[in-house]
Structures are given as structure tokens and as C-alpha cells.
């Protein structure tokens, strides 16, 4: 994989063609960004409620989310939707597996 070559537009996730004289970057050129921490969040679903309802919740209360059982969850990196996936169990912890990568146009 170290010899894989990417154009700058491919690294940015755009579908635009790179100009013929555009510099070519390799995976080795990206080494500087490997150590940058990012926040990964997996959102099972969302719910909206009034503060008064929220304050009435107690132990064992159930909040109905806007997703159905088996529906894909949203995976965010630094608050940006990047993928959808499924919840998995890894030994005694929860994890996520990506089933769809979301490409966004800028």
C-alpha cells in the first residue's frame, strides 16, 4: 500500500479531475497527518423532547429514537458525517463496522 499514488483531488474527496500539472502525492507524504487526533461518534438515533419531559425521566426510562431496529447508524468524524454502519460486539465492548462511506461535495 505504500506505493499507492493519489492525486490531490482524490485526497480531498472530490470528483473533479486534477489538472495535468498538479503535484502527485503518495501515501508516504501523508505521514504528517497520521498523528492528528480526531473524534469519532456513532449516533444510534435522535429524539426531541421538552425540558419538562427530560426532567421527569428516571432510572429505567426509555427514550424512543427516530431509528428502526437494524437501520444503519450514522458515523461522524469531528462532527462531520462520513459513514453509516452497524453496531458490533468486540469481546466485552461495543464497536462499529462501516457499511457505507459518505462522499460529500464541497
PDB file of N, CA and C in Angstrom:
ATOM      1  N   UNK A   1       0.815  -1.189   0.000  1.00  0.00           N
ATOM      2  CA  UNK A   1       0.000   0.000   0.000  1.00  0.00           C
ATOM      3  C   UNK A   1       0.858   1.253   0.000  1.00  0.00           C
ATOM      4  N   UNK A   2       2.115   1.160   0.399  1.00  0.00           N
ATOM      5  CA  UNK A   2       2.986   2.319   0.466  1.00  0.00           C
ATOM      6  C   UNK A   2       3.267   2.902  -0.909  1.00  0.00           C
ATOM      7  N   UNK A   3       3.095   2.135  -1.981  1.00  0.00           N
ATOM      8  CA  UNK A   3       3.379   2.651  -3.304  1.00  0.00           C
ATOM      9  C   UNK A   3       2.129   3.167  -4.004  1.00  0.00           C
ATOM     10  N   UNK A   4       0.985   3.234  -3.291  1.00  0.00           N
ATOM     11  CA  UNK A   4      -0.246   3.728  -3.875  1.00  0.00           C
ATOM     12  C   UNK A   4      -0.139   5.239  -4.074  1.00  0.00           C
ATOM     13  N   UNK A   5      -0.561   5.744  -5.240  1.00  0.00           N
ATOM     14  CA  UNK A   5      -0.453   7.159  -5.564  1.00  0.00           C
ATOM     15  C   UNK A   5      -1.840   7.769  -5.633  1.00  0.00           C
ATOM     16  N   UNK A   6      -2.001   8.946  -5.000  1.00  0.00           N
ATOM     17  CA  UNK A   6      -3.259   9.671  -5.005  1.00  0.00           C
ATOM     18  C   UNK A   6      -3.029  11.063  -5.560  1.00  0.00           C
ATOM     19  N   UNK A   7      -4.001  11.578  -6.326  1.00  0.00           N
ATOM     20  CA  UNK A   7      -3.926  12.975  -6.728  1.00  0.00           C
ATOM     21  C   UNK A   7      -4.488  13.814  -5.592  1.00  0.00           C
ATOM     22  N   UNK A   8      -4.206  15.110  -5.601  1.00  0.00           N
ATOM     23  CA  UNK A   8      -4.703  15.974  -4.536  1.00  0.00           C
ATOM     24  C   UNK A   8      -6.217  15.991  -4.496  1.00  0.00           C
ATOM     25  N   UNK A   9      -6.890  15.962  -5.649  1.00  0.00           N
ATOM     26  CA  UNK A   9      -8.351  15.981  -5.644  1.00  0.00           C
ATOM     27  C   UNK A   9      -8.914  14.704  -5.044  1.00  0.00           C
ATOM     28  N   UNK A  10      -8.250  13.567  -5.217  1.00  0.00           N
ATOM     29  CA  UNK A  10      -8.714  12.324  -4.606  1.00  0.00           C
ATOM     30  C   UNK A  10      -8.563  12.376  -3.091  1.00  0.00           C
ATOM     31  N   UNK A  11      -7.493  12.990  -2.597  1.00  0.00           N
ATOM     32  CA  UNK A  11      -7.302  13.103  -1.154  1.00  0.00           C
ATOM     33  C   UNK A  11      -8.350  14.012  -0.535  1.00  0.00           C
ATOM     34  N   UNK A  12      -8.812  15.026  -1.266  1.00  0.00           N
ATOM     35  CA  UNK A  12      -9.836  15.938  -0.762  1.00  0.00           C
ATOM     36  C   UNK A  12     -11.220  15.338  -0.872  1.00  0.00           C
ATOM     37  N   UNK A  13     -11.359  14.195  -1.547  1.00  0.00           N
ATOM     38  CA  UNK A  13     -12.654  13.543  -1.664  1.00  0.00           C
ATOM     39  C   UNK A  13     -13.553  14.145  -2.722  1.00  0.00           C
ATOM     40  N   UNK A  14     -12.992  14.908  -3.677  1.00  0.00           N
ATOM     41  CA  UNK A  14     -13.812  15.492  -4.726  1.00  0.00           C
ATOM     42  C   UNK A  14     -13.768  14.601  -5.954  1.00  0.00           C
ATOM     43  N   UNK A  15     -14.720  14.807  -6.827  1.00  0.00           N
ATOM     44  CA  UNK A  15     -14.780  14.039  -8.064  1.00  0.00           C
ATOM     45  C   UNK A  15     -14.190  14.820  -9.225  1.00  0.00           C
ATOM     46  N   UNK A  16     -13.655  16.018  -8.984  1.00  0.00           N
ATOM     47  CA  UNK A  16     -13.098  16.841 -10.055  1.00  0.00           C
ATOM     48  C   UNK A  16     -11.795  16.229 -10.552  1.00  0.00           C
ATOM     49  N   UNK A  17     -11.558  16.381 -11.834  1.00  0.00           N
ATOM     50  CA  UNK A  17     -10.299  15.910 -12.406  1.00  0.00           C
ATOM     51  C   UNK A  17      -9.171  16.836 -11.986  1.00  0.00           C
ATOM     52  N   UNK A  18      -8.020  16.281 -11.657  1.00  0.00           N
ATOM     53  CA  UNK A  18      -6.860  17.094 -11.285  1.00  0.00           C
ATOM     54  C   UNK A  18      -6.241  17.656 -12.548  1.00  0.00           C
ATOM     55  N   UNK A  19      -5.742  18.893 -12.481  1.00  0.00           N
ATOM     56  CA  UNK A  19      -5.056  19.448 -13.650  1.00  0.00           C
ATOM     57  C   UNK A  19      -3.854  18.581 -14.001  1.00  0.00           C
ATOM     58  N   UNK A  20      -3.480  18.574 -15.259  1.00  0.00           N
ATOM     59  CA  UNK A  20      -2.391  17.713 -15.721  1.00  0.00           C
ATOM     60  C   UNK A  20      -1.072  18.020 -15.017  1.00  0.00           C
ATOM     61  N   UNK A  21      -0.858  19.294 -14.627  1.00  0.00           N
ATOM     62  CA  UNK A  21       0.386  19.665 -13.967  1.00  0.00           C
ATOM     63  C   UNK A  21       0.278  19.644 -12.437  1.00  0.00           C
ATOM     64  N   UNK A  22      -0.801  19.067 -11.888  1.00  0.00           N
ATOM     65  CA  UNK A  22      -0.985  19.017 -10.428  1.00  0.00           C
ATOM     66  C   UNK A  22       0.052  18.091  -9.807  1.00  0.00           C
ATOM     67  N   UNK A  23       0.569  18.471  -8.636  1.00  0.00           N
ATOM     68  CA  UNK A  23       1.544  17.610  -7.966  1.00  0.00           C
ATOM     69  C   UNK A  23       0.904  16.289  -7.559  1.00  0.00           C
ATOM     70  N   UNK A  24       1.685  15.231  -7.606  1.00  0.00           N
ATOM     71  CA  UNK A  24       1.217  13.909  -7.213  1.00  0.00           C
ATOM     72  C   UNK A  24       1.692  13.644  -5.788  1.00  0.00           C
ATOM     73  N   UNK A  25       0.772  13.272  -4.911  1.00  0.00           N
ATOM     74  CA  UNK A  25       1.118  12.948  -3.523  1.00  0.00           C
ATOM     75  C   UNK A  25       1.031  11.444  -3.336  1.00  0.00           C
ATOM     76  N   UNK A  26       1.915  10.903  -2.540  1.00  0.00           N
ATOM     77  CA  UNK A  26       1.880   9.482  -2.225  1.00  0.00           C
ATOM     78  C   UNK A  26       1.447   9.304  -0.781  1.00  0.00           C
ATOM     79  N   UNK A  27       1.124   8.075  -0.412  1.00  0.00           N
ATOM     80  CA  UNK A  27       0.729   7.771   0.951  1.00  0.00           C
ATOM     81  C   UNK A  27       1.825   8.197   1.934  1.00  0.00           C
ATOM     82  N   UNK A  28       3.092   8.048   1.547  1.00  0.00           N
ATOM     83  CA  UNK A  28       4.194   8.445   2.426  1.00  0.00           C
ATOM     84  C   UNK A  28       4.161   9.947   2.728  1.00  0.00           C
ATOM     85  N   UNK A  29       3.650  10.764   1.795  1.00  0.00           N
ATOM     86  CA  UNK A  29       3.566  12.201   2.004  1.00  0.00           C
ATOM     87  C   UNK A  29       2.549  12.573   3.081  1.00  0.00           C
ATOM     88  N   UNK A  30       1.648  11.665   3.391  1.00  0.00           N
ATOM     89  CA  UNK A  30       0.601  11.941   4.370  1.00  0.00           C
ATOM     90  C   UNK A  30       1.026  11.607   5.794  1.00  0.00           C
ATOM     91  N   UNK A  31       2.254  11.179   5.993  1.00  0.00           N
ATOM     92  CA  UNK A  31       2.737  10.776   7.316  1.00  0.00           C
ATOM     93  C   UNK A  31       2.546  11.832   8.381  1.00  0.00           C
ATOM     94  N   UNK A  32       2.610  13.099   8.015  1.00  0.00           N
ATOM     95  CA  UNK A  32       2.477  14.179   8.991  1.00  0.00           C
ATOM     96  C   UNK A  32       1.084  14.238   9.612  1.00  0.00           C
ATOM     97  N   UNK A  33       0.074  13.753   8.925  1.00  0.00           N
ATOM     98  CA  UNK A  33      -1.289  13.839   9.459  1.00  0.00           C
ATOM     99  C   UNK A  33      -1.704  12.596  10.240  1.00  0.00           C
ATOM    100  N   UNK A  34      -0.917  11.533  10.198  1.00  0.00           N
ATOM    101  CA  UNK A  34      -1.295  10.292  10.872  1.00  0.00           C
ATOM    102  C   UNK A  34      -1.467  10.461  12.378  1.00  0.00           C
ATOM    103  N   UNK A  35      -0.741  11.372  13.005  1.00  0.00           N
ATOM    104  CA  UNK A  35      -0.796  11.539  14.445  1.00  0.00           C
ATOM    105  C   UNK A  35      -1.839  12.534  14.927  1.00  0.00           C
ATOM    106  N   UNK A  36      -2.607  13.127  14.026  1.00  0.00           N
ATOM    107  CA  UNK A  36      -3.606  14.120  14.415  1.00  0.00           C
ATOM    108  C   UNK A  36      -4.823  13.397  14.996  1.00  0.00           C
ATOM    109  N   UNK A  37      -5.201  13.733  16.238  1.00  0.00           N
ATOM    110  CA  UNK A  37      -6.365  13.067  16.835  1.00  0.00           C
ATOM    111  C   UNK A  37      -7.674  13.590  16.236  1.00  0.00           C
ATOM    112  N   UNK A  38      -8.627  12.703  16.070  1.00  0.00           N
ATOM    113  CA  UNK A  38      -9.969  13.072  15.611  1.00  0.00           C
ATOM    114  C   UNK A  38     -10.981  12.434  16.559  1.00  0.00           C
ATOM    115  N   UNK A  39     -12.160  13.025  16.641  1.00  0.00           N
ATOM    116  CA  UNK A  39     -13.234  12.492  17.478  1.00  0.00           C
ATOM    117  C   UNK A  39     -14.202  11.724  16.594  1.00  0.00           C
ATOM    118  N   UNK A  40     -14.404  10.443  16.899  1.00  0.00           N
ATOM    119  CA  UNK A  40     -15.321   9.597  16.149  1.00  0.00           C
ATOM    120  C   UNK A  40     -16.556   9.360  17.005  1.00  0.00           C
ATOM    121  N   UNK A  41     -17.742   9.637  16.448  1.00  0.00           N
ATOM    122  CA  UNK A  41     -19.003   9.442  17.154  1.00  0.00           C
ATOM    123  C   UNK A  41     -19.905   8.544  16.336  1.00  0.00           C
ATOM    124  N   UNK A  42     -20.625   7.663  17.008  1.00  0.00           N
ATOM    125  CA  UNK A  42     -21.621   6.814  16.360  1.00  0.00           C
ATOM    126  C   UNK A  42     -22.979   7.169  16.941  1.00  0.00           C
ATOM    127  N   UNK A  43     -23.886   7.646  16.104  1.00  0.00           N
ATOM    128  CA  UNK A  43     -25.194   8.092  16.564  1.00  0.00           C
ATOM    129  C   UNK A  43     -26.226   7.018  16.256  1.00  0.00           C
ATOM    130  N   UNK A  44     -26.782   6.444  17.317  1.00  0.00           N
ATOM    131  CA  UNK A  44     -27.799   5.400  17.161  1.00  0.00           C
ATOM    132  C   UNK A  44     -29.121   5.978  16.681  1.00  0.00           C
ATOM    133  N   UNK A  45     -29.418   7.180  17.076  1.00  0.00           N
ATOM    134  CA  UNK A  45     -30.662   7.836  16.713  1.00  0.00           C
ATOM    135  C   UNK A  45     -30.805   9.122  17.486  1.00  0.00           C
ATOM    136  N   UNK A  46     -31.882   9.843  17.232  1.00  0.00           N
ATOM    137  CA  UNK A  46     -32.117  11.125  17.894  1.00  0.00           C
ATOM    138  C   UNK A  46     -33.551  11.178  18.388  1.00  0.00           C
ATOM    139  N   UNK A  47     -33.764  12.027  19.384  1.00  0.00           N
ATOM    140  CA  UNK A  47     -35.102  12.263  19.914  1.00  0.00           C
ATOM    141  C   UNK A  47     -35.195  13.722  20.315  1.00  0.00           C
ATOM    142  N   UNK A  48     -36.388  14.274  20.218  1.00  0.00           N
ATOM    143  CA  UNK A  48     -36.640  15.647  20.637  1.00  0.00           C
ATOM    144  C   UNK A  48     -37.680  15.605  21.742  1.00  0.00           C
ATOM    145  N   UNK A  49     -37.414  16.337  22.824  1.00  0.00           N
ATOM    146  CA  UNK A  49     -38.380  16.407  23.916  1.00  0.00           C
ATOM    147  C   UNK A  49     -38.235  17.730  24.644  1.00  0.00           C
ATOM    148  N   UNK A  50     -39.250  18.082  25.382  1.00  0.00           N
ATOM    149  CA  UNK A  50     -39.228  19.308  26.166  1.00  0.00           C
ATOM    150  C   UNK A  50     -38.409  19.075  27.432  1.00  0.00           C
ATOM    151  N   UNK A  51     -37.870  20.145  27.958  1.00  0.00           N
ATOM    152  CA  UNK A  51     -37.078  20.060  29.178  1.00  0.00           C
ATOM    153  C   UNK A  51     -37.908  19.445  30.314  1.00  0.00           C
ATOM    154  N   UNK A  52     -39.178  19.809  30.395  1.00  0.00           N
ATOM    155  CA  UNK A  52     -40.027  19.265  31.463  1.00  0.00           C
ATOM    156  C   UNK A  52     -40.114  17.743  31.370  1.00  0.00           C
ATOM    157  N   UNK A  53     -40.202  17.204  30.156  1.00  0.00           N
ATOM    158  CA  UNK A  53     -40.230  15.750  29.977  1.00  0.00           C
ATOM    159  C   UNK A  53     -38.892  15.131  30.326  1.00  0.00           C
ATOM    160  N   UNK A  54     -37.828  15.800  29.962  1.00  0.00           N
ATOM    161  CA  UNK A  54     -36.486  15.316  30.265  1.00  0.00           C
ATOM    162  C   UNK A  54     -36.272  15.216  31.772  1.00  0.00           C
ATOM    163  N   UNK A  55     -36.740  16.223  32.511  1.00  0.00           N
ATOM    164  CA  UNK A  55     -36.566  16.239  33.959  1.00  0.00           C
ATOM    165  C   UNK A  55     -37.388  15.156  34.661  1.00  0.00           C
ATOM    166  N   UNK A  56     -38.442  14.666  34.021  1.00  0.00           N
ATOM    167  CA  UNK A  56     -39.275  13.621  34.616  1.00  0.00           C
ATOM    168  C   UNK A  56     -38.691  12.226  34.427  1.00  0.00           C
ATOM    169  N   UNK A  57     -37.681  12.093  33.582  1.00  0.00           N
ATOM    170  CA  UNK A  57     -37.093  10.780  33.329  1.00  0.00           C
ATOM    171  C   UNK A  57     -36.385  10.273  34.576  1.00  0.00           C
ATOM    172  N   UNK A  58     -36.492   9.010  34.799  1.00  0.00           N
ATOM    173  CA  UNK A  58     -35.808   8.398  35.930  1.00  0.00           C
ATOM    174  C   UNK A  58     -35.106   7.135  35.473  1.00  0.00           C
ATOM    175  N   UNK A  59     -34.512   6.448  36.419  1.00  0.00           N
ATOM    176  CA  UNK A  59     -33.800   5.203  36.126  1.00  0.00           C
ATOM    177  C   UNK A  59     -34.751   4.214  35.444  1.00  0.00           C
ATOM    178  N   UNK A  60     -34.281   3.629  34.349  1.00  0.00           N
ATOM    179  CA  UNK A  60     -35.073   2.653  33.610  1.00  0.00           C
ATOM    180  C   UNK A  60     -36.002   3.255  32.572  1.00  0.00           C
ATOM    181  N   UNK A  61     -36.034   4.586  32.476  1.00  0.00           N
ATOM    182  CA  UNK A  61     -36.883   5.237  31.470  1.00  0.00           C
ATOM    183  C   UNK A  61     -36.376   4.905  30.075  1.00  0.00           C
ATOM    184  N   UNK A  62     -37.294   4.815  29.151  1.00  0.00           N
ATOM    185  CA  UNK A  62     -36.948   4.509  27.762  1.00  0.00           C
ATOM    186  C   UNK A  62     -37.251   5.735  26.906  1.00  0.00           C
ATOM    187  N   UNK A  63     -36.265   6.143  26.096  1.00  0.00           N
ATOM    188  CA  UNK A  63     -36.446   7.252  25.160  1.00  0.00           C
ATOM    189  C   UNK A  63     -36.504   6.655  23.760  1.00  0.00           C
ATOM    190  N   UNK A  64     -37.603   6.879  23.071  1.00  0.00           N
ATOM    191  CA  UNK A  64     -37.760   6.340  21.720  1.00  0.00           C
ATOM    192  C   UNK A  64     -36.958   7.190  20.742  1.00  0.00           C
ATOM    193  N   UNK A  65     -36.124   6.531  19.945  1.00  0.00           N
ATOM    194  CA  UNK A  65     -35.295   7.210  18.954  1.00  0.00           C
ATOM    195  C   UNK A  65     -35.959   7.165  17.587  1.00  0.00           C
ATOM    196  N   UNK A  66     -35.430   7.945  16.659  1.00  0.00           N
ATOM    197  CA  UNK A  66     -36.014   8.053  15.318  1.00  0.00           C
ATOM    198  C   UNK A  66     -35.534   6.969  14.353  1.00  0.00           C
ATOM    199  N   UNK A  67     -34.934   5.911  14.852  1.00  0.00           N
ATOM    200  CA  UNK A  67     -34.432   4.822  14.006  1.00  0.00           C
ATOM    201  C   UNK A  67     -35.159   3.532  14.306  1.00  0.00           C
ATOM    202  N   UNK A  68     -35.200   2.672  13.311  1.00  0.00           N
ATOM    203  CA  UNK A  68     -35.792   1.353  13.481  1.00  0.00           C
ATOM    204  C   UNK A  68     -34.700   0.331  13.786  1.00  0.00           C
ATOM    205  N   UNK A  69     -35.070  -0.786  14.363  1.00  0.00           N
ATOM    206  CA  UNK A  69     -34.119  -1.852  14.654  1.00  0.00           C
ATOM    207  C   UNK A  69     -33.494  -2.322  13.343  1.00  0.00           C
ATOM    208  N   UNK A  70     -32.186  -2.447  13.319  1.00  0.00           N
ATOM    209  CA  UNK A  70     -31.487  -2.914  12.123  1.00  0.00           C
ATOM    210  C   UNK A  70     -31.123  -1.815  11.144  1.00  0.00           C
ATOM    211  N   UNK A  71     -31.629  -0.603  11.363  1.00  0.00           N
ATOM    212  CA  UNK A  71     -31.308   0.515  10.474  1.00  0.00           C
ATOM    213  C   UNK A  71     -29.878   0.980  10.753  1.00  0.00           C
ATOM    214  N   UNK A  72     -29.192   1.436   9.730  1.00  0.00           N
ATOM    215  CA  UNK A  72     -27.796   1.869   9.861  1.00  0.00           C
ATOM    216  C   UNK A  72     -27.673   3.055  10.814  1.00  0.00           C
ATOM    217  N   UNK A  73     -26.548   3.105  11.518  1.00  0.00           N
ATOM    218  CA  UNK A  73     -26.257   4.232  12.397  1.00  0.00           C
ATOM    219  C   UNK A  73     -25.359   5.207  11.648  1.00  0.00           C
ATOM    220  N   UNK A  74     -25.364   6.464  12.083  1.00  0.00           N
ATOM    221  CA  UNK A  74     -24.522   7.485  11.466  1.00  0.00           C
ATOM    222  C   UNK A  74     -23.179   7.541  12.185  1.00  0.00           C
ATOM    223  N   UNK A  75     -22.091   7.632  11.412  1.00  0.00           N
ATOM    224  CA  UNK A  75     -20.746   7.712  11.969  1.00  0.00           C
ATOM    225  C   UNK A  75     -20.173   9.070  11.589  1.00  0.00           C
ATOM    226  N   UNK A  76     -19.806   9.836  12.608  1.00  0.00           N
ATOM    227  CA  UNK A  76     -19.276  11.177  12.421  1.00  0.00           C
ATOM    228  C   UNK A  76     -17.800  11.217  12.804  1.00  0.00           C
ATOM    229  N   UNK A  77     -17.012  11.982  12.068  1.00  0.00           N
ATOM    230  CA  UNK A  77     -15.633  12.280  12.437  1.00  0.00           C
ATOM    231  C   UNK A  77     -15.551  13.791  12.547  1.00  0.00           C
ATOM    232  N   UNK A  78     -15.204  14.268  13.741  1.00  0.00           N
ATOM    233  CA  UNK A  78     -15.179  15.710  14.023  1.00  0.00           C
ATOM    234  C   UNK A  78     -16.481  16.384  13.599  1.00  0.00           C
ATOM    235  N   UNK A  79     -17.604  15.807  14.007  1.00  0.00           N
ATOM    236  CA  UNK A  79     -18.953  16.329  13.755  1.00  0.00           C
ATOM    237  C   UNK A  79     -19.324  16.399  12.271  1.00  0.00           C
ATOM    238  N   UNK A  80     -18.652  15.624  11.450  1.00  0.00           N
ATOM    239  CA  UNK A  80     -18.969  15.569  10.021  1.00  0.00           C
ATOM    240  C   UNK A  80     -19.356  14.137   9.666  1.00  0.00           C
ATOM    241  N   UNK A  81     -20.531  13.969   9.055  1.00  0.00           N
ATOM    242  CA  UNK A  81     -20.999  12.642   8.672  1.00  0.00           C
ATOM    243  C   UNK A  81     -20.073  12.062   7.612  1.00  0.00           C
ATOM    244  N   UNK A  82     -19.459  10.907   7.903  1.00  0.00           N
ATOM    245  CA  UNK A  82     -18.525  10.305   6.961  1.00  0.00           C
ATOM    246  C   UNK A  82     -18.931   8.900   6.539  1.00  0.00           C
ATOM    247  N   UNK A  83     -19.797   8.244   7.332  1.00  0.00           N
ATOM    248  CA  UNK A  83     -20.142   6.865   7.005  1.00  0.00           C
ATOM    249  C   UNK A  83     -21.424   6.459   7.725  1.00  0.00           C
ATOM    250  N   UNK A  84     -21.929   5.310   7.324  1.00  0.00           N
ATOM    251  CA  UNK A  84     -23.027   4.652   8.033  1.00  0.00           C
ATOM    252  C   UNK A  84     -22.551   3.241   8.334  1.00  0.00           C
ATOM    253  N   UNK A  85     -23.095   2.661   9.377  1.00  0.00           N
ATOM    254  CA  UNK A  85     -22.624   1.338   9.749  1.00  0.00           C
ATOM    255  C   UNK A  85     -23.541   0.613  10.704  1.00  0.00           C
ATOM    256  N   UNK A  86     -22.984  -0.409  11.328  1.00  0.00           N
ATOM    257  CA  UNK A  86     -23.732  -1.266  12.249  1.00  0.00           C
ATOM    258  C   UNK A  86     -22.964  -1.397  13.555  1.00  0.00           C
ATOM    259  N   UNK A  87     -23.697  -1.617  14.633  1.00  0.00           N
ATOM    260  CA  UNK A  87     -23.088  -1.844  15.934  1.00  0.00           C
ATOM    261  C   UNK A  87     -22.653  -3.309  15.998  1.00  0.00           C
ATOM    262  N   UNK A  88     -21.448  -3.545  16.501  1.00  0.00           N
ATOM    263  CA  UNK A  88     -20.935  -4.899  16.680  1.00  0.00           C
ATOM    264  C   UNK A  88     -20.402  -5.036  18.105  1.00  0.00           C
ATOM    265  N   UNK A  89     -20.289  -6.263  18.570  1.00  0.00           N
ATOM    266  CA  UNK A  89     -19.712  -6.535  19.877  1.00  0.00           C
ATOM    267  C   UNK A  89     -18.328  -7.121  19.664  1.00  0.00           C
ATOM    268  N   UNK A  90     -17.321  -6.506  20.295  1.00  0.00           N
ATOM    269  CA  UNK A  90     -15.940  -6.962  20.202  1.00  0.00           C
ATOM    270  C   UNK A  90     -15.521  -7.327  21.629  1.00  0.00           C
ATOM    271  N   UNK A  91     -15.435  -8.631  21.904  1.00  0.00           N
ATOM    272  CA  UNK A  91     -15.189  -9.137  23.256  1.00  0.00           C
ATOM    273  C   UNK A  91     -16.251  -8.565  24.181  1.00  0.00           C
ATOM    274  N   UNK A  92     -15.894  -7.700  25.122  1.00  0.00           N
ATOM    275  CA  UNK A  92     -16.889  -7.150  26.047  1.00  0.00           C
ATOM    276  C   UNK A  92     -17.171  -5.669  25.791  1.00  0.00           C
ATOM    277  N   UNK A  93     -16.865  -5.197  24.580  1.00  0.00           N
ATOM    278  CA  UNK A  93     -17.069  -3.786  24.238  1.00  0.00           C
ATOM    279  C   UNK A  93     -17.938  -3.659  22.994  1.00  0.00           C
ATOM    280  N   UNK A  94     -18.551  -2.488  22.843  1.00  0.00           N
ATOM    281  CA  UNK A  94     -19.293  -2.186  21.621  1.00  0.00           C
ATOM    282  C   UNK A  94     -18.349  -1.576  20.601  1.00  0.00           C
ATOM    283  N   UNK A  95     -18.612  -1.831  19.349  1.00  0.00           N
ATOM    284  CA  UNK A  95     -17.838  -1.251  18.268  1.00  0.00           C
ATOM    285  C   UNK A  95     -18.763  -0.940  17.109  1.00  0.00           C
ATOM    286  N   UNK A  96     -18.192  -0.428  16.044  1.00  0.00           N
ATOM    287  CA  UNK A  96     -18.962  -0.141  14.839  1.00  0.00           C
ATOM    288  C   UNK A  96     -18.222  -0.690  13.636  1.00  0.00           C
ATOM    289  N   UNK A  97     -18.976  -1.134  12.667  1.00  0.00           N
ATOM    290  CA  UNK A  97     -18.399  -1.540  11.395  1.00  0.00           C
ATOM    291  C   UNK A  97     -19.029  -0.673  10.317  1.00  0.00           C
ATOM    292  N   UNK A  98     -18.201  -0.102   9.456  1.00  0.00           N
ATOM    293  CA  UNK A  98     -18.700   0.788   8.410  1.00  0.00           C
ATOM    294  C   UNK A  98     -19.234  -0.036   7.244  1.00  0.00           C
ATOM    295  N   UNK A  99     -20.451   0.265   6.837  1.00  0.00           N
ATOM    296  CA  UNK A  99     -21.063  -0.428   5.707  1.00  0.00           C
ATOM    297  C   UNK A  99     -21.214   0.480   4.493  1.00  0.00           C
ATOM    298  N   UNK A 100     -21.107   1.786   4.711  1.00  0.00           N
ATOM    299  CA  UNK A 100     -21.271   2.745   3.614  1.00  0.00           C
ATOM    300  C   UNK A 100     -20.437   3.987   3.925  1.00  0.00           C
ATOM    301  N   UNK A 101     -19.621   4.413   2.983  1.00  0.00           N
ATOM    302  CA  UNK A 101     -18.837   5.634   3.118  1.00  0.00           C
ATOM    303  C   UNK A 101     -19.609   6.758   2.431  1.00  0.00           C
ATOM    304  N   UNK A 102     -19.738   7.888   3.116  1.00  0.00           N
ATOM    305  CA  UNK A 102     -20.481   9.034   2.584  1.00  0.00           C
ATOM    306  C   UNK A 102     -19.485  10.004   1.955  1.00  0.00           C
ATOM    307  N   UNK A 103     -19.644  10.268   0.668  1.00  0.00           N
ATOM    308  CA  UNK A 103     -18.805  11.260  -0.017  1.00  0.00           C
ATOM    309  C   UNK A 103     -19.615  12.551  -0.101  1.00  0.00           C
ATOM    310  N   UNK A 104     -19.007  13.637   0.343  1.00  0.00           N
ATOM    311  CA  UNK A 104     -19.690  14.926   0.296  1.00  0.00           C
ATOM    312  C   UNK A 104     -19.017  15.815  -0.731  1.00  0.00           C
ATOM    313  N   UNK A 105     -19.816  16.590  -1.415  1.00  0.00           N
ATOM    314  CA  UNK A 105     -19.321  17.558  -2.380  1.00  0.00           C
ATOM    315  C   UNK A 105     -19.115  18.869  -1.663  1.00  0.00           C
ATOM    316  N   UNK A 106     -18.032  19.572  -1.956  1.00  0.00           N
ATOM    317  CA  UNK A 106     -17.792  20.880  -1.330  1.00  0.00           C
ATOM    318  C   UNK A 106     -18.319  21.976  -2.174  1.00  0.00           C
TER     319      UNK A 106
END
